[in-house]
Protein backbone atom coordinates (compact mmCIF):
# COMPACT_ATOMS: atom_id res chain seq x y z
CA MET A 1 133.28 89.33 56.08
CA SER A 2 130.96 92.00 54.79
CA LEU A 3 128.23 89.38 54.46
CA TYR A 4 128.53 88.48 58.14
CA LEU A 5 128.45 92.15 59.14
CA SER A 6 125.37 92.66 56.97
CA LEU A 7 123.60 89.68 58.56
CA PHE A 8 124.59 90.84 62.06
CA SER A 9 123.31 94.36 61.36
CA ARG A 10 120.07 92.91 60.03
CA PHE A 11 119.74 90.74 63.16
CA ILE A 12 120.32 93.75 65.45
CA TYR A 13 117.75 95.76 63.45
CA ILE A 14 115.13 93.01 63.84
CA ILE A 15 115.83 92.71 67.57
CA GLY A 16 115.43 96.49 67.89
CA GLU A 17 112.11 96.42 66.03
CA ILE A 18 110.81 93.57 68.21
CA THR A 19 111.90 95.43 71.35
CA LEU A 20 110.09 98.59 70.26
CA ILE A 21 106.93 96.62 69.46
CA VAL A 22 107.04 94.87 72.85
CA LEU A 23 107.58 98.18 74.68
CA ALA A 24 104.71 99.76 72.73
CA CYS A 25 102.44 96.82 73.63
CA ILE A 26 103.41 97.05 77.32
CA PHE A 27 102.71 100.79 77.31
CA CYS A 28 99.31 100.33 75.64
CA PHE A 29 98.47 97.50 78.04
CA THR A 30 99.44 99.68 81.01
CA MET A 31 97.41 102.61 79.69
CA LEU A 32 94.39 100.31 79.41
CA LEU A 33 94.85 99.25 83.04
CA VAL A 34 95.14 102.88 84.18
CA VAL A 35 92.00 103.88 82.25
CA LEU A 36 90.04 100.96 83.74
CA ALA A 37 91.34 101.85 87.20
CA TRP A 38 90.42 105.50 86.70
CA LEU A 39 86.91 104.56 85.59
CA SER A 40 86.56 102.19 88.55
CA ILE A 41 87.58 104.90 91.01
CA HIS A 42 85.34 107.61 89.57
CA GLU A 43 82.32 105.40 88.87
CA ARG A 44 82.74 103.55 92.19
CA LYS A 45 82.28 100.32 90.28
CA MET A 46 85.06 97.82 89.66
CA TYR A 47 85.51 97.08 85.95
CA PHE A 48 87.07 93.70 85.03
CA PRO A 49 88.60 93.15 88.51
CA SER A 50 90.37 89.85 87.70
CA PHE A 51 92.00 91.38 84.60
CA LEU A 52 92.97 94.47 86.60
CA LYS A 53 94.62 92.50 89.40
CA ALA A 54 96.57 90.23 87.04
CA GLY A 55 97.67 93.20 84.96
CA MET A 56 98.68 95.28 87.98
CA VAL A 57 100.91 92.45 89.20
CA LEU A 58 102.68 92.31 85.82
CA VAL A 59 103.35 96.02 85.36
CA TYR A 60 102.89 97.50 88.85
CA GLY A 61 105.85 99.88 88.65
CA LEU A 62 104.80 101.42 85.35
CA VAL A 63 101.18 101.65 86.52
CA ARG A 64 102.27 103.66 89.57
CA VAL A 65 104.24 106.05 87.35
CA LEU A 66 101.25 106.61 85.06
CA PHE A 67 98.92 106.99 88.05
CA ARG A 68 101.13 109.81 89.29
CA ILE A 69 101.17 111.42 85.84
CA PHE A 70 97.36 111.36 85.95
CA GLY A 71 97.49 113.13 89.32
CA PHE A 72 96.82 110.21 91.67
CA GLU A 73 98.68 110.07 94.99
CA ASP A 74 100.13 106.89 96.49
CA ASN A 75 97.31 106.69 99.05
CA GLN A 76 94.72 106.73 96.28
CA ILE A 77 96.56 103.90 94.54
CA HIS A 78 96.64 101.85 97.75
CA ILE A 79 92.94 102.51 98.36
CA PHE A 80 92.17 101.33 94.84
CA PHE A 81 94.12 98.10 95.41
CA ILE A 82 92.24 97.47 98.67
CA GLN A 83 88.90 98.01 96.92
CA LEU A 84 90.03 95.70 94.11
CA HIS A 85 91.05 93.07 96.66
CA ASN A 86 87.65 93.29 98.38
CA THR A 87 85.81 92.94 95.08
CA LEU A 88 87.75 89.82 94.11
CA ASN A 89 87.31 88.25 97.58
CA ARG A 90 83.62 89.07 98.01
CA GLU A 91 82.18 85.80 96.66
CA ALA A 92 84.64 83.62 98.59
CA PHE A 93 83.99 85.62 101.78
CA GLU A 94 80.23 85.16 101.43
CA ALA A 95 80.64 81.38 101.26
CA ILE A 96 82.41 81.09 104.63
CA PRO A 97 80.19 80.58 107.73
CA VAL A 98 80.23 83.46 110.19
CA SER A 99 81.44 81.07 112.90
CA GLU A 100 84.72 80.82 110.97
CA ARG A 101 85.17 84.57 110.51
CA ALA A 102 86.94 87.18 112.63
CA ILE A 103 87.03 90.96 112.82
CA PHE A 104 90.23 92.76 113.76
CA LEU A 105 89.78 96.33 115.00
CA PRO A 106 92.64 98.74 115.73
CA GLN A 107 92.97 99.84 119.35
CA CYS A 108 93.15 103.46 118.18
CA LEU A 109 89.36 103.46 117.77
CA ARG A 110 88.90 103.51 121.56
CA SER A 111 88.39 106.59 123.71
CA ALA A 112 91.39 108.38 125.18
CA GLN A 113 89.87 107.59 128.60
CA CYS A 114 89.39 103.89 127.83
CA PRO A 115 89.87 101.82 131.02
CA ALA A 116 90.44 98.54 129.13
CA HIS A 117 93.68 96.66 129.71
CA LEU A 118 95.80 94.92 127.10
CA THR A 119 95.71 91.11 127.29
CA SER A 120 97.26 88.35 125.20
CA GLU A 121 94.21 88.65 122.91
CA GLY A 122 94.23 92.42 122.61
CA LEU A 123 92.10 94.92 124.50
CA LYS A 124 89.17 93.52 126.45
CA CYS A 125 86.25 95.96 126.24
CA CYS A 126 84.96 97.06 129.67
CA HIS A 127 81.63 98.20 128.17
CA CYS A 128 82.10 101.66 129.69
CA GLY A 129 80.24 103.35 126.84
CA LEU A 130 82.96 105.93 126.20
CA CYS A 131 83.31 104.93 122.55
CA SER A 132 81.32 103.23 119.80
CA ILE A 133 83.25 99.94 120.10
CA ASP A 134 80.97 98.90 122.97
CA TYR A 135 77.84 98.97 120.78
CA TRP A 136 79.40 97.49 117.66
CA LEU A 137 81.15 94.73 119.55
CA ALA A 138 77.71 93.56 120.69
CA VAL A 139 76.42 93.73 117.10
CA PHE A 140 79.19 91.64 115.59
CA GLU A 141 79.35 89.12 118.43
CA CYS A 142 75.58 88.69 118.25
CA MET A 143 76.05 87.82 114.58
CA GLY A 144 78.58 85.15 115.53
CA TYR A 145 81.88 86.92 114.83
CA ARG A 146 85.02 86.72 116.93
CA VAL A 147 86.05 90.35 117.43
CA PHE A 148 89.48 91.50 118.53
CA SER A 149 90.82 94.98 119.26
CA VAL A 150 94.55 94.78 118.65
CA PRO A 151 97.55 97.12 118.71
CA GLY A 152 99.39 95.65 115.74
CA SER A 153 100.06 92.92 113.20
CA SER A 154 101.97 90.70 115.67
CA PHE A 155 98.75 90.23 117.66
CA ILE A 156 96.81 89.44 114.49
CA LYS A 157 99.34 86.76 113.49
CA ARG A 158 99.18 85.13 116.91
CA LEU A 159 95.37 85.19 117.05
CA ALA A 160 95.08 83.88 113.50
CA ILE A 161 97.29 80.92 114.42
CA LYS A 162 95.30 80.27 117.61
CA TYR A 163 91.76 80.54 116.23
CA ARG A 164 92.44 79.76 112.55
CA PRO A 165 89.66 81.87 110.99
CA ARG A 166 88.99 81.12 107.34
CA ALA A 167 87.89 84.70 106.70
CA ALA A 168 88.61 88.03 108.35
CA ILE A 169 87.71 91.71 108.18
CA GLY A 170 90.59 94.04 108.94
CA VAL A 171 90.00 97.66 109.97
CA GLY A 172 92.82 100.20 110.10
CA CYS A 173 94.79 102.90 108.35
CA ILE A 174 95.72 102.43 104.68
CA SER A 175 99.21 101.02 105.29
CA GLU A 176 98.07 98.63 108.04
CA VAL A 177 95.11 97.33 106.01
CA LYS A 178 97.32 96.82 102.95
CA LYS A 179 99.89 94.94 105.05
CA GLY A 180 97.16 92.90 106.73
CA LEU A 181 95.54 91.85 103.45
CA GLU A 182 98.91 90.74 102.08
CA MET A 183 99.57 88.76 105.28
CA ALA A 184 96.13 87.13 105.06
CA ASP A 185 96.69 86.14 101.42
CA LYS A 186 99.93 84.39 102.36
CA SER A 187 98.14 82.57 105.20
CA GLY A 188 95.24 81.45 103.00
CA ILE A 189 92.69 83.61 104.87
CA ILE A 190 89.96 85.27 102.81
CA SER A 191 90.23 88.90 103.89
CA MET A 192 88.34 92.14 103.43
CA GLY A 193 89.68 95.56 104.37
CA VAL A 194 88.05 98.72 105.73
CA ILE A 195 90.04 101.95 105.99
CA ILE A 196 89.52 104.27 108.94
CA LEU A 197 88.35 107.83 108.23
CA LYS A 198 90.80 109.55 110.53
CA ASP A 199 94.38 108.51 111.13
CA GLY A 200 96.12 108.78 114.47
CA CYS A 201 97.06 106.86 117.59
CA VAL A 202 93.87 107.48 119.56
CA GLU A 203 90.19 108.27 118.98
CA THR A 204 90.29 107.53 115.26
CA LEU A 205 87.08 107.09 113.28
CA VAL A 206 85.63 104.41 111.03
CA LEU A 207 82.41 104.22 109.06
CA TRP A 208 80.84 101.37 111.05
CA GLU A 209 78.11 100.92 108.44
CA GLU A 210 80.83 99.98 105.95
CA VAL A 211 82.18 97.34 108.33
CA LEU A 212 78.63 96.08 108.89
CA GLU A 213 77.96 95.91 105.15
CA ILE A 214 80.92 93.56 104.70
CA ALA A 215 80.10 91.62 107.88
CA ASN A 216 76.57 90.97 106.55
CA LEU A 217 77.82 89.30 103.36
CA GLY A 218 76.47 85.78 103.01
CA ILE A 219 74.49 85.96 106.27
CA ASN A 220 70.80 85.21 106.52
CA PRO A 221 69.01 88.51 107.35
CA ALA A 222 67.24 86.73 110.19
CA TYR A 223 70.57 86.47 112.01
CA ILE A 224 71.40 90.17 111.68
CA PRO A 225 70.56 91.84 115.03
CA HIS A 226 68.41 94.94 115.30
CA LYS A 227 68.77 97.71 117.85
CA THR A 228 65.92 96.32 119.96
CA GLN A 229 67.79 93.02 120.31
CA LEU A 230 70.91 94.80 121.58
CA SER A 231 69.26 97.13 124.10
């Protein structure tokens, strides 16, 4: 009997040692991910993006805890994931013809005095000149993009089913962009996200040059319009 107890105790001891080693490895692995993420954020350069994404999926909960310990807020974590997503999708996005791409803008970018009416395909710009959408709509459509100004994800789903874009640029607040990128991944659409600078329900702001930088990916410079072509 004592022999069995001794063997059982030994077995439990070995299991405990293995568990501690595994936990230590997981912690070290997570710390490595957090350090790489921290460097990526501060250097504005994504280090080992494929490794980061795979690792984040495996230990996302622990990564969030350590991010908070390091002083990062949830929004900063979400922004990092969006940047990581864009980095990983960049090459695939470049390979898709512009005729098979779409841009989804949030309706909150429009002016408070916007006269446009909501249709089954979102807001139809009246070209009143009250906001910057008028100008940038002309830029992106001249490049060959389908551009939609929509109030929410239900419109995006419907338009994606109707027009079946292979790639899309989504502009919006952090939560909406994150949700949109996840939805695009499930639908097999190569997506890129741009976060607006100012949250709210009306007259929000976006860095249009950032949208343009992504829109230009994989496009021959000869097809990128200049101001003289749009005037």
